[in-house]
PDB file of N, CA and C in Angstrom:
ATOM      1  N   MET A   1     -70.769 181.037 -38.202  1.00  0.00           N
ATOM      2  CA  MET A   1     -71.452 180.483 -37.354  1.00  0.00           C
ATOM      3  C   MET A   1     -72.156 179.342 -37.519  1.00  0.00           C
ATOM      4  N   SER A   2     -72.137 178.250 -36.611  1.00  0.00           N
ATOM      5  CA  SER A   2     -72.738 176.986 -37.220  1.00  0.00           C
ATOM      6  C   SER A   2     -73.716 176.562 -35.979  1.00  0.00           C
ATOM      7  N   THR A   3     -74.738 176.087 -36.305  1.00  0.00           N
ATOM      8  CA  THR A   3     -75.725 175.863 -35.176  1.00  0.00           C
ATOM      9  C   THR A   3     -76.433 174.320 -35.434  1.00  0.00           C
ATOM     10  N   GLY A   4     -76.947 173.808 -34.214  1.00  0.00           N
ATOM     11  CA  GLY A   4     -77.536 172.415 -34.568  1.00  0.00           C
ATOM     12  C   GLY A   4     -76.754 171.166 -34.640  1.00  0.00           C
ATOM     13  N   CYS A   5     -75.354 171.310 -34.817  1.00  0.00           N
ATOM     14  CA  CYS A   5     -74.714 170.239 -34.996  1.00  0.00           C
ATOM     15  C   CYS A   5     -74.555 169.226 -33.792  1.00  0.00           C
ATOM     16  N   LYS A   6     -74.335 167.967 -33.935  1.00  0.00           N
ATOM     17  CA  LYS A   6     -74.502 166.990 -32.846  1.00  0.00           C
ATOM     18  C   LYS A   6     -72.933 166.679 -32.417  1.00  0.00           C
ATOM     19  N   SER A   7     -72.115 167.300 -33.092  1.00  0.00           N
ATOM     20  CA  SER A   7     -70.743 167.341 -32.566  1.00  0.00           C
ATOM     21  C   SER A   7     -69.787 168.095 -33.372  1.00  0.00           C
ATOM     22  N   ILE A   8     -68.383 168.445 -32.713  1.00  0.00           N
ATOM     23  CA  ILE A   8     -67.811 169.329 -33.118  1.00  0.00           C
ATOM     24  C   ILE A   8     -67.422 168.682 -34.518  1.00  0.00           C
ATOM     25  N   GLU A   9     -67.394 167.515 -34.706  1.00  0.00           N
ATOM     26  CA  GLU A   9     -66.744 167.133 -36.040  1.00  0.00           C
ATOM     27  C   GLU A   9     -67.663 167.492 -37.093  1.00  0.00           C
ATOM     28  N   ASN A  10     -69.023 167.008 -36.895  1.00  0.00           N
ATOM     29  CA  ASN A  10     -70.006 167.750 -37.729  1.00  0.00           C
ATOM     30  C   ASN A  10     -69.952 169.226 -38.127  1.00  0.00           C
ATOM     31  N   SER A  11     -69.592 169.913 -37.180  1.00  0.00           N
ATOM     32  CA  SER A  11     -69.420 171.463 -37.253  1.00  0.00           C
ATOM     33  C   SER A  11     -68.322 171.778 -38.447  1.00  0.00           C
ATOM     34  N   LYS A  12     -67.206 171.023 -38.238  1.00  0.00           N
ATOM     35  CA  LYS A  12     -65.945 171.183 -39.173  1.00  0.00           C
ATOM     36  C   LYS A  12     -66.380 170.847 -40.531  1.00  0.00           C
ATOM     37  N   ASN A  13     -66.893 169.533 -40.640  1.00  0.00           N
ATOM     38  CA  ASN A  13     -67.574 169.019 -42.124  1.00  0.00           C
ATOM     39  C   ASN A  13     -68.639 170.498 -42.649  1.00  0.00           C
ATOM     40  N   ALA A  14     -69.230 170.787 -41.598  1.00  0.00           N
ATOM     41  CA  ALA A  14     -70.111 171.620 -42.575  1.00  0.00           C
ATOM     42  C   ALA A  14     -69.433 173.039 -42.911  1.00  0.00           C
ATOM     43  N   PHE A  15     -68.440 173.478 -41.855  1.00  0.00           N
ATOM     44  CA  PHE A  15     -67.771 174.599 -42.372  1.00  0.00           C
ATOM     45  C   PHE A  15     -66.623 174.099 -43.980  1.00  0.00           C
ATOM     46  N   ASP A  16     -66.013 173.045 -43.589  1.00  0.00           N
ATOM     47  CA  ASP A  16     -65.350 172.708 -45.058  1.00  0.00           C
ATOM     48  C   ASP A  16     -66.398 172.470 -46.107  1.00  0.00           C
ATOM     49  N   LYS A  17     -67.249 172.138 -46.041  1.00  0.00           N
ATOM     50  CA  LYS A  17     -68.191 172.063 -47.366  1.00  0.00           C
ATOM     51  C   LYS A  17     -68.750 173.662 -47.574  1.00  0.00           C
ATOM     52  N   LEU A  18     -68.646 174.429 -46.653  1.00  0.00           N
ATOM     53  CA  LEU A  18     -69.207 175.928 -47.047  1.00  0.00           C
ATOM     54  C   LEU A  18     -68.162 176.566 -47.509  1.00  0.00           C
ATOM     55  N   TYR A  19     -66.912 176.218 -47.155  1.00  0.00           N
ATOM     56  CA  TYR A  19     -65.709 176.734 -47.566  1.00  0.00           C
ATOM     57  C   TYR A  19     -65.529 176.504 -49.246  1.00  0.00           C
ATOM     58  N   LYS A  20     -65.478 175.244 -49.263  1.00  0.00           N
ATOM     59  CA  LYS A  20     -65.371 174.747 -50.918  1.00  0.00           C
ATOM     60  C   LYS A  20     -66.533 175.291 -51.976  1.00  0.00           C
ATOM     61  N   LYS A  21     -67.660 175.374 -51.352  1.00  0.00           N
ATOM     62  CA  LYS A  21     -68.699 176.107 -51.931  1.00  0.00           C
ATOM     63  C   LYS A  21     -68.602 177.476 -52.216  1.00  0.00           C
ATOM     64  N   LEU A  22     -67.960 178.111 -51.253  1.00  0.00           N
ATOM     65  CA  LEU A  22     -67.614 179.353 -51.619  1.00  0.00           C
ATOM     66  C   LEU A  22     -66.653 179.585 -52.675  1.00  0.00           C
ATOM     67  N   ILE A  23     -65.564 178.770 -52.690  1.00  0.00           N
ATOM     68  CA  ILE A  23     -64.591 178.869 -53.446  1.00  0.00           C
ATOM     69  C   ILE A  23     -64.718 178.582 -54.749  1.00  0.00           C
ATOM     70  N   GLU A  24     -65.905 177.413 -54.975  1.00  0.00           N
ATOM     71  CA  GLU A  24     -66.447 177.067 -56.350  1.00  0.00           C
ATOM     72  C   GLU A  24     -66.934 178.320 -56.976  1.00  0.00           C
ATOM     73  N   ILE A  25     -67.557 179.013 -56.405  1.00  0.00           N
ATOM     74  CA  ILE A  25     -68.206 180.266 -56.886  1.00  0.00           C
ATOM     75  C   ILE A  25     -67.595 181.609 -57.006  1.00  0.00           C
ATOM     76  N   GLY A  26     -66.435 181.426 -56.707  1.00  0.00           N
ATOM     77  CA  GLY A  26     -65.495 182.513 -56.805  1.00  0.00           C
ATOM     78  C   GLY A  26     -65.406 183.578 -55.488  1.00  0.00           C
ATOM     79  N   VAL A  27     -65.632 183.221 -54.561  1.00  0.00           N
ATOM     80  CA  VAL A  27     -65.440 184.216 -53.217  1.00  0.00           C
ATOM     81  C   VAL A  27     -64.288 183.863 -52.525  1.00  0.00           C
ATOM     82  N   ASN A  28     -63.717 185.008 -52.541  1.00  0.00           N
ATOM     83  CA  ASN A  28     -62.334 185.011 -51.855  1.00  0.00           C
ATOM     84  C   ASN A  28     -62.566 185.041 -50.278  1.00  0.00           C
ATOM     85  N   VAL A  29     -62.155 183.942 -49.896  1.00  0.00           N
ATOM     86  CA  VAL A  29     -62.379 183.394 -48.376  1.00  0.00           C
ATOM     87  C   VAL A  29     -60.968 183.384 -47.563  1.00  0.00           C
ATOM     88  N   TYR A  30     -60.968 183.592 -46.389  1.00  0.00           N
ATOM     89  CA  TYR A  30     -59.695 183.402 -45.638  1.00  0.00           C
ATOM     90  C   TYR A  30     -59.700 181.987 -45.460  1.00  0.00           C
ATOM     91  N   SER A  31     -58.244 181.255 -45.591  1.00  0.00           N
ATOM     92  CA  SER A  31     -58.134 179.806 -45.508  1.00  0.00           C
ATOM     93  C   SER A  31     -58.024 179.182 -44.351  1.00  0.00           C
ATOM     94  N   ASN A  32     -57.693 180.066 -43.315  1.00  0.00           N
ATOM     95  CA  ASN A  32     -57.132 179.797 -42.060  1.00  0.00           C
ATOM     96  C   ASN A  32     -58.120 179.825 -41.144  1.00  0.00           C
ATOM     97  N   TYR A  33     -59.236 179.728 -41.130  1.00  0.00           N
ATOM     98  CA  TYR A  33     -60.297 179.647 -39.950  1.00  0.00           C
ATOM     99  C   TYR A  33     -60.191 178.839 -39.076  1.00  0.00           C
ATOM    100  N   GLU A  34     -60.712 179.254 -37.871  1.00  0.00           N
ATOM    101  CA  GLU A  34     -60.525 178.354 -36.494  1.00  0.00           C
ATOM    102  C   GLU A  34     -61.879 178.160 -36.185  1.00  0.00           C
ATOM    103  N   ILE A  35     -62.248 176.784 -35.898  1.00  0.00           N
ATOM    104  CA  ILE A  35     -63.541 176.358 -35.103  1.00  0.00           C
ATOM    105  C   ILE A  35     -63.431 176.433 -33.746  1.00  0.00           C
ATOM    106  N   SER A  36     -64.239 177.341 -32.801  1.00  0.00           N
ATOM    107  CA  SER A  36     -64.226 176.952 -31.343  1.00  0.00           C
ATOM    108  C   SER A  36     -65.924 176.844 -30.984  1.00  0.00           C
ATOM    109  N   VAL A  37     -65.938 176.369 -29.744  1.00  0.00           N
ATOM    110  CA  VAL A  37     -67.220 175.794 -29.270  1.00  0.00           C
ATOM    111  C   VAL A  37     -67.664 177.018 -28.481  1.00  0.00           C
ATOM    112  N   GLN A  38     -68.625 177.398 -28.553  1.00  0.00           N
ATOM    113  CA  GLN A  38     -69.343 178.448 -27.788  1.00  0.00           C
ATOM    114  C   GLN A  38     -70.233 178.171 -26.907  1.00  0.00           C
ATOM    115  N   ASN A  39     -71.131 177.476 -27.409  1.00  0.00           N
ATOM    116  CA  ASN A  39     -72.319 176.962 -26.660  1.00  0.00           C
ATOM    117  C   ASN A  39     -72.552 175.494 -27.038  1.00  0.00           C
ATOM    118  N   ILE A  40     -72.678 174.740 -25.693  1.00  0.00           N
ATOM    119  CA  ILE A  40     -73.301 173.346 -25.769  1.00  0.00           C
ATOM    120  C   ILE A  40     -74.419 173.304 -25.069  1.00  0.00           C
ATOM    121  N   VAL A  41     -75.470 172.382 -25.772  1.00  0.00           N
ATOM    122  CA  VAL A  41     -76.768 172.434 -25.273  1.00  0.00           C
ATOM    123  C   VAL A  41     -76.833 170.836 -25.122  1.00  0.00           C
ATOM    124  N   ALA A  42     -77.192 170.573 -23.851  1.00  0.00           N
ATOM    125  CA  ALA A  42     -77.622 169.105 -23.416  1.00  0.00           C
ATOM    126  C   ALA A  42     -78.562 168.580 -22.889  1.00  0.00           C
ATOM    127  N   SER A  43     -79.249 167.577 -23.039  1.00  0.00           N
ATOM    128  CA  SER A  43     -80.462 167.387 -22.167  1.00  0.00           C
ATOM    129  C   SER A  43     -80.177 165.879 -21.318  1.00  0.00           C
ATOM    130  N   ALA A  44     -81.300 166.015 -20.603  1.00  0.00           N
ATOM    131  CA  ALA A  44     -80.972 164.455 -19.666  1.00  0.00           C
ATOM    132  C   ALA A  44     -82.429 164.665 -19.022  1.00  0.00           C
ATOM    133  N   ASN A  45     -82.658 163.412 -18.255  1.00  0.00           N
ATOM    134  CA  ASN A  45     -83.971 162.994 -17.682  1.00  0.00           C
ATOM    135  C   ASN A  45     -83.565 162.536 -16.479  1.00  0.00           C
ATOM    136  N   LEU A  46     -84.010 162.881 -14.914  1.00  0.00           N
ATOM    137  CA  LEU A  46     -83.766 162.314 -13.911  1.00  0.00           C
ATOM    138  C   LEU A  46     -84.723 161.169 -13.505  1.00  0.00           C
ATOM    139  N   GLY A  47     -85.608 161.025 -14.586  1.00  0.00           N
ATOM    140  CA  GLY A  47     -86.587 159.834 -13.967  1.00  0.00           C
ATOM    141  C   GLY A  47     -87.665 159.923 -13.253  1.00  0.00           C
ATOM    142  N   ARG A  48     -87.837 160.905 -12.599  1.00  0.00           N
ATOM    143  CA  ARG A  48     -88.853 161.246 -11.815  1.00  0.00           C
ATOM    144  C   ARG A  48     -89.342 162.961 -11.693  1.00  0.00           C
ATOM    145  N   VAL A  49     -90.666 162.704 -10.973  1.00  0.00           N
ATOM    146  CA  VAL A  49     -91.502 164.128 -11.218  1.00  0.00           C
ATOM    147  C   VAL A  49     -90.850 164.718 -10.092  1.00  0.00           C
ATOM    148  N   MET A  50     -90.734 166.202 -10.061  1.00  0.00           N
ATOM    149  CA  MET A  50     -89.966 166.925  -9.240  1.00  0.00           C
ATOM    150  C   MET A  50     -90.916 167.927  -8.919  1.00  0.00           C
ATOM    151  N   ASN A  51     -90.668 168.559  -7.620  1.00  0.00           N
ATOM    152  CA  ASN A  51     -91.223 169.309  -6.921  1.00  0.00           C
ATOM    153  C   ASN A  51     -90.269 170.723  -6.853  1.00  0.00           C
ATOM    154  N   LEU A  52     -90.576 171.517  -8.067  1.00  0.00           N
ATOM    155  CA  LEU A  52     -90.162 172.579  -8.432  1.00  0.00           C
ATOM    156  C   LEU A  52     -90.006 173.756  -7.272  1.00  0.00           C
ATOM    157  N   ASN A  53     -91.155 173.667  -6.566  1.00  0.00           N
ATOM    158  CA  ASN A  53     -91.305 174.782  -5.465  1.00  0.00           C
ATOM    159  C   ASN A  53     -90.326 174.424  -4.223  1.00  0.00           C
ATOM    160  N   ALA A  54     -90.112 173.304  -4.129  1.00  0.00           N
ATOM    161  CA  ALA A  54     -89.316 172.675  -2.805  1.00  0.00           C
ATOM    162  C   ALA A  54     -88.098 172.880  -3.148  1.00  0.00           C
ATOM    163  N   ILE A  55     -87.573 172.687  -4.478  1.00  0.00           N
ATOM    164  CA  ILE A  55     -86.255 172.856  -5.347  1.00  0.00           C
ATOM    165  C   ILE A  55     -85.919 174.281  -5.081  1.00  0.00           C
ATOM    166  N   THR A  56     -86.639 175.009  -5.537  1.00  0.00           N
ATOM    167  CA  THR A  56     -86.376 176.710  -5.571  1.00  0.00           C
ATOM    168  C   THR A  56     -86.036 176.915  -4.228  1.00  0.00           C
ATOM    169  N   VAL A  57     -86.543 176.345  -3.097  1.00  0.00           N
ATOM    170  CA  VAL A  57     -86.180 177.022  -1.931  1.00  0.00           C
ATOM    171  C   VAL A  57     -84.867 176.134  -1.379  1.00  0.00           C
ATOM    172  N   GLY A  58     -84.790 175.009  -1.622  1.00  0.00           N
ATOM    173  CA  GLY A  58     -83.393 174.195  -1.390  1.00  0.00           C
ATOM    174  C   GLY A  58     -82.424 174.703  -2.054  1.00  0.00           C
ATOM    175  N   LEU A  59     -82.631 175.116  -3.214  1.00  0.00           N
ATOM    176  CA  LEU A  59     -81.375 175.494  -4.006  1.00  0.00           C
ATOM    177  C   LEU A  59     -80.954 177.039  -3.518  1.00  0.00           C
ATOM    178  N   GLY A  60     -81.705 177.549  -3.225  1.00  0.00           N
ATOM    179  CA  GLY A  60     -81.606 179.228  -2.970  1.00  0.00           C
ATOM    180  C   GLY A  60     -81.975 179.964  -3.709  1.00  0.00           C
ATOM    181  N   LEU A  61     -82.558 181.208  -3.434  1.00  0.00           N
ATOM    182  CA  LEU A  61     -83.321 181.910  -4.108  1.00  0.00           C
ATOM    183  C   LEU A  61     -82.544 182.978  -5.004  1.00  0.00           C
ATOM    184  N   GLU A  62     -81.123 183.038  -4.510  1.00  0.00           N
ATOM    185  CA  GLU A  62     -80.280 183.791  -5.457  1.00  0.00           C
ATOM    186  C   GLU A  62     -79.767 183.213  -6.606  1.00  0.00           C
ATOM    187  N   ASN A  63     -79.729 181.908  -6.810  1.00  0.00           N
ATOM    188  CA  ASN A  63     -79.112 181.132  -7.898  1.00  0.00           C
ATOM    189  C   ASN A  63     -80.424 180.657  -8.693  1.00  0.00           C
ATOM    190  N   VAL A  64     -81.567 180.698  -8.442  1.00  0.00           N
ATOM    191  CA  VAL A  64     -82.623 180.276  -9.188  1.00  0.00           C
ATOM    192  C   VAL A  64     -83.997 181.251  -9.459  1.00  0.00           C
ATOM    193  N   GLU A  65     -84.448 180.843 -10.735  1.00  0.00           N
ATOM    194  CA  GLU A  65     -85.685 181.714 -10.882  1.00  0.00           C
ATOM    195  C   GLU A  65     -86.636 180.814 -11.261  1.00  0.00           C
ATOM    196  N   TYR A  66     -87.905 181.077 -10.557  1.00  0.00           N
ATOM    197  CA  TYR A  66     -89.019 180.028 -10.855  1.00  0.00           C
ATOM    198  C   TYR A  66     -90.176 180.580 -10.594  1.00  0.00           C
ATOM    199  N   GLU A  67     -90.792 180.875 -11.928  1.00  0.00           N
ATOM    200  CA  GLU A  67     -92.213 181.706 -12.100  1.00  0.00           C
ATOM    201  C   GLU A  67     -92.829 181.011 -13.025  1.00  0.00           C
ATOM    202  N   PRO A  68     -93.621 179.911 -12.389  1.00  0.00           N
ATOM    203  CA  PRO A  68     -94.366 179.108 -13.447  1.00  0.00           C
ATOM    204  C   PRO A  68     -95.432 179.735 -14.212  1.00  0.00           C
ATOM    205  N   GLU A  69     -95.778 180.903 -13.601  1.00  0.00           N
ATOM    206  CA  GLU A  69     -96.944 181.440 -14.583  1.00  0.00           C
ATOM    207  C   GLU A  69     -96.166 182.312 -15.887  1.00  0.00           C
ATOM    208  N   GLN A  70     -94.954 182.539 -15.981  1.00  0.00           N
ATOM    209  CA  GLN A  70     -94.228 182.752 -17.047  1.00  0.00           C
ATOM    210  C   GLN A  70     -93.334 181.957 -17.753  1.00  0.00           C
ATOM    211  N   PHE A  71     -93.095 180.823 -17.087  1.00  0.00           N
ATOM    212  CA  PHE A  71     -92.170 179.667 -17.966  1.00  0.00           C
ATOM    213  C   PHE A  71     -92.386 178.497 -17.137  1.00  0.00           C
ATOM    214  N   PRO A  72     -92.709 177.236 -17.416  1.00  0.00           N
ATOM    215  CA  PRO A  72     -92.879 176.095 -16.817  1.00  0.00           C
ATOM    216  C   PRO A  72     -91.464 175.355 -16.220  1.00  0.00           C
ATOM    217  N   GLY A  73     -90.297 176.198 -16.287  1.00  0.00           N
ATOM    218  CA  GLY A  73     -89.288 175.205 -15.818  1.00  0.00           C
ATOM    219  C   GLY A  73     -88.565 176.349 -14.970  1.00  0.00           C
ATOM    220  N   LEU A  74     -87.630 175.653 -13.962  1.00  0.00           N
ATOM    221  CA  LEU A  74     -86.829 176.388 -13.028  1.00  0.00           C
ATOM    222  C   LEU A  74     -85.524 176.284 -13.640  1.00  0.00           C
ATOM    223  N   VAL A  75     -85.027 177.738 -13.583  1.00  0.00           N
ATOM    224  CA  VAL A  75     -83.638 178.252 -14.027  1.00  0.00           C
ATOM    225  C   VAL A  75     -82.766 178.363 -12.986  1.00  0.00           C
ATOM    226  N   TYR A  76     -81.902 177.424 -13.157  1.00  0.00           N
ATOM    227  CA  TYR A  76     -80.460 177.384 -11.936  1.00  0.00           C
ATOM    228  C   TYR A  76     -79.428 177.831 -12.498  1.00  0.00           C
ATOM    229  N   ARG A  77     -78.936 178.836 -12.193  1.00  0.00           N
ATOM    230  CA  ARG A  77     -77.395 179.116 -12.764  1.00  0.00           C
ATOM    231  C   ARG A  77     -76.423 178.886 -11.599  1.00  0.00           C
ATOM    232  N   LEU A  78     -75.734 177.874 -12.424  1.00  0.00           N
ATOM    233  CA  LEU A  78     -74.496 177.397 -11.513  1.00  0.00           C
ATOM    234  C   LEU A  78     -73.045 178.385 -12.152  1.00  0.00           C
ATOM    235  N   ASN A  79     -72.532 178.526 -10.997  1.00  0.00           N
ATOM    236  CA  ASN A  79     -71.055 179.194 -11.138  1.00  0.00           C
ATOM    237  C   ASN A  79     -69.852 178.420 -11.629  1.00  0.00           C
ATOM    238  N   ALA A  80     -69.821 177.116 -11.255  1.00  0.00           N
ATOM    239  CA  ALA A  80     -68.744 176.365 -11.363  1.00  0.00           C
ATOM    240  C   ALA A  80     -69.042 174.613 -11.717  1.00  0.00           C
ATOM    241  N   PRO A  81     -69.558 174.367 -12.751  1.00  0.00           N
ATOM    242  CA  PRO A  81     -69.221 174.908 -14.066  1.00  0.00           C
ATOM    243  C   PRO A  81     -70.270 176.281 -14.545  1.00  0.00           C
ATOM    244  N   LYS A  82     -69.854 177.087 -15.117  1.00  0.00           N
ATOM    245  CA  LYS A  82     -70.564 178.210 -15.796  1.00  0.00           C
ATOM    246  C   LYS A  82     -71.747 177.751 -16.547  1.00  0.00           C
ATOM    247  N   VAL A  83     -72.817 177.365 -16.263  1.00  0.00           N
ATOM    248  CA  VAL A  83     -73.838 176.750 -17.176  1.00  0.00           C
ATOM    249  C   VAL A  83     -75.299 177.181 -16.575  1.00  0.00           C
ATOM    250  N   VAL A  84     -76.303 177.107 -17.432  1.00  0.00           N
ATOM    251  CA  VAL A  84     -77.769 177.185 -17.095  1.00  0.00           C
ATOM    252  C   VAL A  84     -78.149 176.121 -17.113  1.00  0.00           C
ATOM    253  N   ILE A  85     -79.178 175.518 -15.749  1.00  0.00           N
ATOM    254  CA  ILE A  85     -79.814 174.328 -16.326  1.00  0.00           C
ATOM    255  C   ILE A  85     -81.414 174.669 -16.164  1.00  0.00           C
ATOM    256  N   LEU A  86     -82.035 174.351 -17.008  1.00  0.00           N
ATOM    257  CA  LEU A  86     -83.487 174.511 -17.104  1.00  0.00           C
ATOM    258  C   LEU A  86     -84.119 173.193 -16.570  1.00  0.00           C
ATOM    259  N   LEU A  87     -84.823 173.021 -15.574  1.00  0.00           N
ATOM    260  CA  LEU A  87     -85.445 171.894 -14.818  1.00  0.00           C
ATOM    261  C   LEU A  87     -86.622 171.859 -14.879  1.00  0.00           C
ATOM    262  N   PHE A  88     -87.623 170.767 -15.312  1.00  0.00           N
ATOM    263  CA  PHE A  88     -88.995 170.782 -15.495  1.00  0.00           C
ATOM    264  C   PHE A  88     -89.510 169.857 -14.466  1.00  0.00           C
ATOM    265  N   ASN A  89     -90.904 170.044 -14.140  1.00  0.00           N
ATOM    266  CA  ASN A  89     -91.350 169.078 -13.140  1.00  0.00           C
ATOM    267  C   ASN A  89     -91.434 167.766 -13.652  1.00  0.00           C
ATOM    268  N   SER A  90     -91.022 167.534 -14.899  1.00  0.00           N
ATOM    269  CA  SER A  90     -91.114 166.122 -15.195  1.00  0.00           C
ATOM    270  C   SER A  90     -90.089 165.328 -14.991  1.00  0.00           C
ATOM    271  N   GLY A  91     -88.770 165.948 -14.628  1.00  0.00           N
ATOM    272  CA  GLY A  91     -87.696 165.524 -14.337  1.00  0.00           C
ATOM    273  C   GLY A  91     -86.687 165.881 -15.395  1.00  0.00           C
ATOM    274  N   LYS A  92     -87.171 166.165 -16.478  1.00  0.00           N
ATOM    275  CA  LYS A  92     -86.210 166.620 -17.915  1.00  0.00           C
ATOM    276  C   LYS A  92     -85.505 167.852 -17.560  1.00  0.00           C
ATOM    277  N   LEU A  93     -84.367 168.080 -18.125  1.00  0.00           N
ATOM    278  CA  LEU A  93     -83.762 169.150 -17.833  1.00  0.00           C
ATOM    279  C   LEU A  93     -82.795 169.421 -19.413  1.00  0.00           C
ATOM    280  N   VAL A  94     -82.476 170.667 -19.074  1.00  0.00           N
ATOM    281  CA  VAL A  94     -81.880 171.176 -20.354  1.00  0.00           C
ATOM    282  C   VAL A  94     -80.328 171.933 -19.596  1.00  0.00           C
ATOM    283  N   ILE A  95     -79.276 171.476 -20.213  1.00  0.00           N
ATOM    284  CA  ILE A  95     -78.132 172.488 -19.723  1.00  0.00           C
ATOM    285  C   ILE A  95     -77.622 173.147 -20.765  1.00  0.00           C
ATOM    286  N   THR A  96     -77.424 174.472 -20.821  1.00  0.00           N
ATOM    287  CA  THR A  96     -77.005 175.254 -21.796  1.00  0.00           C
ATOM    288  C   THR A  96     -75.778 176.176 -21.235  1.00  0.00           C
ATOM    289  N   GLY A  97     -75.187 176.777 -22.277  1.00  0.00           N
ATOM    290  CA  GLY A  97     -74.123 177.817 -22.067  1.00  0.00           C
ATOM    291  C   GLY A  97     -72.696 176.999 -21.901  1.00  0.00           C
ATOM    292  N   SER A  98     -72.853 175.823 -21.912  1.00  0.00           N
ATOM    293  CA  SER A  98     -71.604 175.148 -21.524  1.00  0.00           C
ATOM    294  C   SER A  98     -70.263 175.247 -22.837  1.00  0.00           C
ATOM    295  N   LYS A  99     -69.069 175.114 -22.754  1.00  0.00           N
ATOM    296  CA  LYS A  99     -68.197 175.120 -23.633  1.00  0.00           C
ATOM    297  C   LYS A  99     -67.354 173.601 -23.762  1.00  0.00           C
ATOM    298  N   SER A 100     -67.940 172.633 -23.094  1.00  0.00           N
ATOM    299  CA  SER A 100     -67.564 171.555 -23.392  1.00  0.00           C
ATOM    300  C   SER A 100     -68.841 170.348 -22.612  1.00  0.00           C
ATOM    301  N   ALA A 101     -68.422 169.185 -23.276  1.00  0.00           N
ATOM    302  CA  ALA A 101     -69.447 168.039 -22.720  1.00  0.00           C
ATOM    303  C   ALA A 101     -69.165 167.613 -21.185  1.00  0.00           C
ATOM    304  N   LEU A 102     -67.874 167.982 -20.662  1.00  0.00           N
ATOM    305  CA  LEU A 102     -67.399 167.402 -19.655  1.00  0.00           C
ATOM    306  C   LEU A 102     -68.307 168.304 -18.462  1.00  0.00           C
ATOM    307  N   ASP A 103     -68.161 169.789 -18.878  1.00  0.00           N
ATOM    308  CA  ASP A 103     -68.824 170.865 -18.085  1.00  0.00           C
ATOM    309  C   ASP A 103     -70.295 170.432 -18.043  1.00  0.00           C
ATOM    310  N   CYS A 104     -70.949 169.701 -19.012  1.00  0.00           N
ATOM    311  CA  CYS A 104     -72.220 169.342 -18.982  1.00  0.00           C
ATOM    312  C   CYS A 104     -72.765 168.284 -17.938  1.00  0.00           C
ATOM    313  N   ASN A 105     -71.701 167.194 -18.147  1.00  0.00           N
ATOM    314  CA  ASN A 105     -71.699 166.397 -17.048  1.00  0.00           C
ATOM    315  C   ASN A 105     -71.559 166.438 -15.674  1.00  0.00           C
ATOM    316  N   ASN A 106     -70.774 167.341 -15.624  1.00  0.00           N
ATOM    317  CA  ASN A 106     -70.298 167.835 -14.176  1.00  0.00           C
ATOM    318  C   ASN A 106     -71.387 168.498 -13.616  1.00  0.00           C
ATOM    319  N   ALA A 107     -72.022 169.452 -14.092  1.00  0.00           N
ATOM    320  CA  ALA A 107     -73.175 170.300 -13.697  1.00  0.00           C
ATOM    321  C   ALA A 107     -74.280 169.182 -13.551  1.00  0.00           C
ATOM    322  N   LEU A 108     -74.550 168.139 -14.321  1.00  0.00           N
ATOM    323  CA  LEU A 108     -75.709 167.227 -13.913  1.00  0.00           C
ATOM    324  C   LEU A 108     -75.251 166.379 -12.878  1.00  0.00           C
ATOM    325  N   ILE A 109     -74.266 166.186 -12.449  1.00  0.00           N
ATOM    326  CA  ILE A 109     -73.750 165.219 -11.557  1.00  0.00           C
ATOM    327  C   ILE A 109     -73.838 166.339 -10.144  1.00  0.00           C
ATOM    328  N   GLN A 110     -73.354 167.513 -10.146  1.00  0.00           N
ATOM    329  CA  GLN A 110     -73.472 168.913  -9.369  1.00  0.00           C
ATOM    330  C   GLN A 110     -75.003 168.685  -8.999  1.00  0.00           C
ATOM    331  N   LEU A 111     -76.025 168.733  -9.748  1.00  0.00           N
ATOM    332  CA  LEU A 111     -77.291 168.993  -9.558  1.00  0.00           C
ATOM    333  C   LEU A 111     -78.042 167.902  -8.863  1.00  0.00           C
ATOM    334  N   LYS A 112     -77.942 166.584  -9.243  1.00  0.00           N
ATOM    335  CA  LYS A 112     -78.297 165.391  -8.709  1.00  0.00           C
ATOM    336  C   LYS A 112     -77.874 165.227  -7.265  1.00  0.00           C
ATOM    337  N   ASP A 113     -76.305 165.275  -6.959  1.00  0.00           N
ATOM    338  CA  ASP A 113     -75.700 165.513  -5.657  1.00  0.00           C
ATOM    339  C   ASP A 113     -76.457 166.233  -4.887  1.00  0.00           C
ATOM    340  N   THR A 114     -76.597 167.433  -5.195  1.00  0.00           N
ATOM    341  CA  THR A 114     -77.029 168.666  -4.308  1.00  0.00           C
ATOM    342  C   THR A 114     -78.685 168.281  -4.077  1.00  0.00           C
ATOM    343  N   LEU A 115     -79.675 167.897  -5.085  1.00  0.00           N
ATOM    344  CA  LEU A 115     -80.912 167.175  -4.673  1.00  0.00           C
ATOM    345  C   LEU A 115     -80.952 166.332  -3.825  1.00  0.00           C
ATOM    346  N   ILE A 116     -79.903 165.155  -3.892  1.00  0.00           N
ATOM    347  CA  ILE A 116     -79.821 164.106  -3.001  1.00  0.00           C
ATOM    348  C   ILE A 116     -79.942 164.663  -1.741  1.00  0.00           C
ATOM    349  N   ASN A 117     -78.873 165.558  -1.709  1.00  0.00           N
ATOM    350  CA  ASN A 117     -78.472 166.003  -0.333  1.00  0.00           C
ATOM    351  C   ASN A 117     -79.381 166.793   0.440  1.00  0.00           C
ATOM    352  N   LEU A 118     -80.087 167.263  -0.548  1.00  0.00           N
ATOM    353  CA  LEU A 118     -81.530 168.237   0.347  1.00  0.00           C
ATOM    354  C   LEU A 118     -82.604 167.210   0.248  1.00  0.00           C
ATOM    355  N   ASN A 119     -82.746 165.789   0.162  1.00  0.00           N
ATOM    356  CA  ASN A 119     -83.730 164.813   0.097  1.00  0.00           C
ATOM    357  C   ASN A 119     -84.887 165.260  -0.943  1.00  0.00           C
ATOM    358  N   LEU A 120     -84.457 165.829  -2.145  1.00  0.00           N
ATOM    359  CA  LEU A 120     -85.495 166.511  -2.949  1.00  0.00           C
ATOM    360  C   LEU A 120     -85.376 165.342  -4.282  1.00  0.00           C
ATOM    361  N   MET A 121     -84.810 164.311  -4.128  1.00  0.00           N
ATOM    362  CA  MET A 121     -84.653 163.279  -5.368  1.00  0.00           C
ATOM    363  C   MET A 121     -84.365 161.865  -4.392  1.00  0.00           C
TER     364      MET A 121
END
């Protein structure tokens, strides 16, 4: 498992280095490993202060968790793409759970379009 890489290429390079080091110290390792993306984390900024209470109602309580006493962000679960968006009052957000950058982008577009349609942005 590799975490914190900025790109798939960085992850491949890290695995290649690890593989070579293990061979150097005499560890018998499987040579045909496959790298797969399990979770991409992306961040964005909507550029404005957001009313999380109004957004919670507008998005529908079945897809949203917002308990500011527990966590300052609104947790929005999308079904397609299957990702989780953490939206903060500052307008900053984090998208997690994606397996592709395209899904992150599509989730952001979907959120922005929905907020615009609800007159919340």
